[in-house]
């Protein structure tokens, strides 16, 4: 994963206070599509 994909999600994480599950789902989606997002969310 390059910084062009990581930094927007990390910036959104800083706006969203609380748990890191949305960021995990974002990383999963970037790496492996919707199935990666689902697996990361669970």
C-alpha atoms as a PDB file:
ATOM      1  CA  UNK A   1       0.000   0.000   0.000  1.00  0.00           C
ATOM      2  CA  UNK A   2       1.388   3.379  -0.924  1.00  0.00           C
ATOM      3  CA  UNK A   3       0.982   6.650   0.909  1.00  0.00           C
ATOM      4  CA  UNK A   4      -1.511   7.942  -1.670  1.00  0.00           C
ATOM      5  CA  UNK A   5      -3.975   5.290  -0.522  1.00  0.00           C
ATOM      6  CA  UNK A   6      -3.094   5.322   3.191  1.00  0.00           C
ATOM      7  CA  UNK A   7      -3.095   9.037   3.972  1.00  0.00           C
ATOM      8  CA  UNK A   8      -6.710   9.855   2.978  1.00  0.00           C
ATOM      9  CA  UNK A   9      -7.984   7.061   5.190  1.00  0.00           C
ATOM     10  CA  UNK A  10      -5.741   8.112   8.049  1.00  0.00           C
ATOM     11  CA  UNK A  11      -6.943  11.693   7.689  1.00  0.00           C
ATOM     12  CA  UNK A  12     -10.547  10.539   7.841  1.00  0.00           C
ATOM     13  CA  UNK A  13      -9.683   8.504  10.928  1.00  0.00           C
ATOM     14  CA  UNK A  14      -8.473  11.646  12.668  1.00  0.00           C
ATOM     15  CA  UNK A  15     -11.820  13.325  11.931  1.00  0.00           C
ATOM     16  CA  UNK A  16     -13.759  10.317  13.217  1.00  0.00           C
ATOM     17  CA  UNK A  17     -13.185   9.924  16.920  1.00  0.00           C
ATOM     18  CA  UNK A  18     -13.772   6.522  18.381  1.00  0.00           C
ATOM     19  CA  UNK A  19     -13.002   3.023  17.235  1.00  0.00           C
ATOM     20  CA  UNK A  20     -10.692   2.131  14.372  1.00  0.00           C
ATOM     21  CA  UNK A  21     -13.068  -0.274  12.606  1.00  0.00           C
ATOM     22  CA  UNK A  22     -13.976   2.123   9.768  1.00  0.00           C
ATOM     23  CA  UNK A  23     -10.263   2.644   9.067  1.00  0.00           C
ATOM     24  CA  UNK A  24      -9.695  -1.112   9.101  1.00  0.00           C
ATOM     25  CA  UNK A  25     -12.523  -1.538   6.612  1.00  0.00           C
ATOM     26  CA  UNK A  26     -11.050   1.195   4.419  1.00  0.00           C
ATOM     27  CA  UNK A  27      -7.646  -0.495   4.442  1.00  0.00           C
ATOM     28  CA  UNK A  28      -9.243  -3.828   3.644  1.00  0.00           C
ATOM     29  CA  UNK A  29     -11.152  -2.288   0.735  1.00  0.00           C
ATOM     30  CA  UNK A  30      -8.039  -0.644  -0.661  1.00  0.00           C
ATOM     31  CA  UNK A  31      -6.061  -3.855  -0.436  1.00  0.00           C
ATOM     32  CA  UNK A  32      -8.659  -6.416  -1.562  1.00  0.00           C
ATOM     33  CA  UNK A  33     -11.929  -4.770  -2.598  1.00  0.00           C
ATOM     34  CA  UNK A  34     -15.246  -5.212  -0.844  1.00  0.00           C
ATOM     35  CA  UNK A  35     -14.368  -8.674   0.420  1.00  0.00           C
ATOM     36  CA  UNK A  36     -11.271  -7.281   2.148  1.00  0.00           C
ATOM     37  CA  UNK A  37     -13.411  -4.587   3.742  1.00  0.00           C
ATOM     38  CA  UNK A  38     -15.837  -7.183   5.027  1.00  0.00           C
ATOM     39  CA  UNK A  39     -13.093  -9.352   6.466  1.00  0.00           C
ATOM     40  CA  UNK A  40     -11.376  -6.354   8.086  1.00  0.00           C
ATOM     41  CA  UNK A  41     -14.654  -5.176   9.612  1.00  0.00           C
ATOM     42  CA  UNK A  42     -15.357  -8.555  11.185  1.00  0.00           C
END
